Amino acid sequence: MKYLTRVAIAVDQLVATVVFGTMPDETISAMAHRRHWKRTERCINFLFRDPNHCAAAYVSEMSGTQNAAEYR
């Protein structure tokens, strides 16, 4: 994963934790799916041009596949 991608994900997780009170490792995408925020989820999916982005982020969080191989 590229450096700027990792930084963007870290900022996403920080904002999700500070603003929305999520778990520290959870992204806004995964949170929107978990909390059933359908409008937010549709908007995020549209931005990423992937109709399943938020659902995939949630599944990734639940299974731990977003973690580096050293932590799996």
N, C-alpha and C. Protein backbone atom coordinates (compact mmCIF):
# COMPACT_ATOMS: atom_id res chain seq x y z
N MET A 1 0.85 -1.17 0.00
CA MET A 1 0.00 0.00 0.00
C MET A 1 0.90 1.24 0.00
N LYS A 2 0.55 2.21 -0.80
CA LYS A 2 1.36 3.41 -0.93
C LYS A 2 1.26 4.28 0.32
N TYR A 3 2.30 5.06 0.52
CA TYR A 3 2.40 5.93 1.71
C TYR A 3 1.20 6.87 1.82
N LEU A 4 0.86 7.58 0.76
CA LEU A 4 -0.24 8.54 0.82
C LEU A 4 -1.58 7.86 1.08
N THR A 5 -1.74 6.65 0.60
CA THR A 5 -2.96 5.89 0.89
C THR A 5 -3.04 5.57 2.37
N ARG A 6 -1.92 5.15 2.94
CA ARG A 6 -1.90 4.85 4.39
C ARG A 6 -2.19 6.09 5.22
N VAL A 7 -1.65 7.24 4.82
CA VAL A 7 -1.89 8.50 5.53
C VAL A 7 -3.36 8.87 5.43
N ALA A 8 -3.95 8.73 4.24
CA ALA A 8 -5.36 9.05 4.07
C ALA A 8 -6.25 8.17 4.95
N ILE A 9 -5.93 6.90 5.04
CA ILE A 9 -6.69 5.99 5.89
C ILE A 9 -6.53 6.37 7.36
N ALA A 10 -5.33 6.74 7.76
CA ALA A 10 -5.09 7.16 9.15
C ALA A 10 -5.89 8.41 9.49
N VAL A 11 -5.94 9.36 8.58
CA VAL A 11 -6.73 10.58 8.80
C VAL A 11 -8.21 10.23 8.87
N ASP A 12 -8.67 9.35 8.00
CA ASP A 12 -10.05 8.88 8.00
C ASP A 12 -10.40 8.27 9.36
N GLN A 13 -9.54 7.40 9.86
CA GLN A 13 -9.79 6.75 11.15
C GLN A 13 -9.76 7.76 12.30
N LEU A 14 -8.87 8.74 12.23
CA LEU A 14 -8.81 9.77 13.26
C LEU A 14 -10.09 10.59 13.29
N VAL A 15 -10.54 11.03 12.12
CA VAL A 15 -11.78 11.80 12.05
C VAL A 15 -12.96 10.97 12.55
N ALA A 16 -13.03 9.72 12.14
CA ALA A 16 -14.12 8.84 12.59
C ALA A 16 -14.12 8.70 14.12
N THR A 17 -12.95 8.60 14.71
CA THR A 17 -12.86 8.43 16.16
C THR A 17 -13.20 9.72 16.89
N VAL A 18 -12.63 10.84 16.45
CA VAL A 18 -12.82 12.12 17.14
C VAL A 18 -14.24 12.66 16.93
N VAL A 19 -14.72 12.65 15.71
CA VAL A 19 -16.01 13.27 15.39
C VAL A 19 -17.18 12.35 15.70
N PHE A 20 -17.07 11.07 15.36
CA PHE A 20 -18.20 10.16 15.48
C PHE A 20 -18.09 9.19 16.65
N GLY A 21 -16.95 9.16 17.34
CA GLY A 21 -16.79 8.29 18.49
C GLY A 21 -16.70 6.81 18.16
N THR A 22 -16.16 6.50 16.99
CA THR A 22 -16.05 5.09 16.59
C THR A 22 -14.86 4.43 17.28
N MET A 23 -14.67 3.17 16.97
CA MET A 23 -13.49 2.46 17.45
C MET A 23 -12.26 3.02 16.72
N PRO A 24 -11.09 3.05 17.36
CA PRO A 24 -9.92 3.70 16.77
C PRO A 24 -9.48 3.18 15.42
N ASP A 25 -9.77 1.95 15.08
CA ASP A 25 -9.29 1.38 13.82
C ASP A 25 -10.36 1.40 12.72
N GLU A 26 -11.53 1.95 13.02
CA GLU A 26 -12.64 1.88 12.07
C GLU A 26 -12.66 3.10 11.15
N THR A 27 -12.90 2.87 9.87
CA THR A 27 -13.01 3.96 8.92
C THR A 27 -14.44 4.48 8.87
N ILE A 28 -14.60 5.66 8.29
CA ILE A 28 -15.94 6.23 8.15
C ILE A 28 -16.80 5.33 7.25
N SER A 29 -16.21 4.73 6.25
CA SER A 29 -16.95 3.83 5.36
C SER A 29 -17.54 2.65 6.14
N ALA A 30 -16.71 1.99 6.94
CA ALA A 30 -17.18 0.85 7.72
C ALA A 30 -18.22 1.28 8.74
N MET A 31 -18.02 2.45 9.36
CA MET A 31 -18.96 2.96 10.34
C MET A 31 -20.31 3.25 9.71
N ALA A 32 -20.31 3.86 8.52
CA ALA A 32 -21.57 4.18 7.85
C ALA A 32 -22.37 2.91 7.57
N HIS A 33 -21.67 1.87 7.16
CA HIS A 33 -22.37 0.59 6.89
C HIS A 33 -22.87 -0.03 8.21
N ARG A 34 -22.02 -0.04 9.22
CA ARG A 34 -22.40 -0.65 10.51
C ARG A 34 -23.58 0.07 11.15
N ARG A 35 -23.60 1.40 11.06
CA ARG A 35 -24.68 2.18 11.67
C ARG A 35 -25.90 2.34 10.77
N HIS A 36 -25.86 1.73 9.59
CA HIS A 36 -26.98 1.78 8.65
C HIS A 36 -27.31 3.22 8.23
N TRP A 37 -26.27 4.01 8.03
CA TRP A 37 -26.45 5.39 7.54
C TRP A 37 -26.51 5.31 6.02
N LYS A 38 -27.68 5.03 5.49
CA LYS A 38 -27.84 4.74 4.06
C LYS A 38 -27.44 5.91 3.17
N ARG A 39 -27.81 7.12 3.51
CA ARG A 39 -27.43 8.27 2.68
C ARG A 39 -25.93 8.46 2.65
N THR A 40 -25.31 8.39 3.81
CA THR A 40 -23.86 8.53 3.89
C THR A 40 -23.18 7.41 3.12
N GLU A 41 -23.69 6.21 3.27
CA GLU A 41 -23.13 5.05 2.58
C GLU A 41 -23.24 5.21 1.06
N ARG A 42 -24.39 5.66 0.58
CA ARG A 42 -24.56 5.87 -0.86
C ARG A 42 -23.59 6.94 -1.37
N CYS A 43 -23.42 8.01 -0.61
CA CYS A 43 -22.51 9.08 -1.00
C CYS A 43 -21.06 8.59 -1.08
N ILE A 44 -20.63 7.86 -0.06
CA ILE A 44 -19.27 7.32 -0.04
C ILE A 44 -19.08 6.33 -1.18
N ASN A 45 -20.03 5.46 -1.38
CA ASN A 45 -19.95 4.49 -2.48
C ASN A 45 -19.84 5.21 -3.82
N PHE A 46 -20.61 6.29 -3.99
CA PHE A 46 -20.54 7.07 -5.22
C PHE A 46 -19.15 7.69 -5.40
N LEU A 47 -18.60 8.27 -4.32
CA LEU A 47 -17.28 8.90 -4.40
C LEU A 47 -16.20 7.90 -4.81
N PHE A 48 -16.31 6.68 -4.32
CA PHE A 48 -15.32 5.65 -4.64
C PHE A 48 -15.67 4.87 -5.90
N ARG A 49 -16.80 5.21 -6.53
CA ARG A 49 -17.24 4.54 -7.76
C ARG A 49 -17.35 3.03 -7.57
N ASP A 50 -17.84 2.66 -6.39
CA ASP A 50 -17.98 1.23 -6.05
C ASP A 50 -19.25 1.07 -5.22
N PRO A 51 -20.28 0.42 -5.73
CA PRO A 51 -21.53 0.29 -4.99
C PRO A 51 -21.42 -0.53 -3.72
N ASN A 52 -20.31 -1.23 -3.53
CA ASN A 52 -20.13 -2.06 -2.33
C ASN A 52 -18.96 -1.61 -1.47
N HIS A 53 -18.47 -0.38 -1.67
CA HIS A 53 -17.28 0.07 -0.94
C HIS A 53 -17.47 -0.01 0.58
N CYS A 54 -18.55 0.55 1.08
CA CYS A 54 -18.77 0.58 2.53
C CYS A 54 -18.98 -0.82 3.11
N ALA A 55 -19.73 -1.63 2.40
CA ALA A 55 -19.95 -3.01 2.86
C ALA A 55 -18.63 -3.77 2.88
N ALA A 56 -17.81 -3.57 1.85
CA ALA A 56 -16.50 -4.24 1.81
C ALA A 56 -15.59 -3.74 2.92
N ALA A 57 -15.66 -2.44 3.23
CA ALA A 57 -14.85 -1.89 4.32
C ALA A 57 -15.28 -2.50 5.65
N TYR A 58 -16.57 -2.68 5.84
CA TYR A 58 -17.09 -3.29 7.07
C TYR A 58 -16.61 -4.74 7.19
N VAL A 59 -16.73 -5.50 6.11
CA VAL A 59 -16.29 -6.90 6.12
C VAL A 59 -14.79 -6.97 6.39
N SER A 60 -14.03 -6.06 5.80
CA SER A 60 -12.59 -6.02 6.03
C SER A 60 -12.27 -5.76 7.49
N GLU A 61 -13.00 -4.84 8.11
CA GLU A 61 -12.80 -4.56 9.54
C GLU A 61 -13.12 -5.79 10.39
N MET A 62 -14.22 -6.45 10.06
CA MET A 62 -14.64 -7.61 10.85
C MET A 62 -13.69 -8.79 10.72
N SER A 63 -13.11 -8.97 9.52
CA SER A 63 -12.23 -10.11 9.31
C SER A 63 -10.76 -9.79 9.53
N GLY A 64 -10.43 -8.50 9.65
CA GLY A 64 -9.05 -8.11 9.89
C GLY A 64 -8.17 -8.12 8.66
N THR A 65 -8.77 -8.20 7.47
CA THR A 65 -7.97 -8.28 6.26
C THR A 65 -7.29 -6.97 5.90
N GLN A 66 -7.72 -5.86 6.52
CA GLN A 66 -7.08 -4.58 6.24
C GLN A 66 -5.76 -4.44 6.99
N ASN A 67 -5.51 -5.31 7.94
CA ASN A 67 -4.27 -5.25 8.72
C ASN A 67 -3.09 -5.77 7.90
N ALA A 68 -1.92 -5.27 8.24
CA ALA A 68 -0.70 -5.75 7.59
C ALA A 68 -0.51 -7.24 7.88
N ALA A 69 0.16 -7.93 6.98
CA ALA A 69 0.35 -9.38 7.13
C ALA A 69 1.00 -9.74 8.48
N GLU A 70 1.85 -8.88 9.00
CA GLU A 70 2.51 -9.15 10.27
C GLU A 70 1.53 -9.25 11.44
N TYR A 71 0.34 -8.62 11.27
CA TYR A 71 -0.65 -8.60 12.36
C TYR A 71 -1.79 -9.60 12.16
N ARG A 72 -1.78 -10.34 11.09
CA ARG A 72 -2.87 -11.31 10.85
C ARG A 72 -2.54 -12.63 11.47
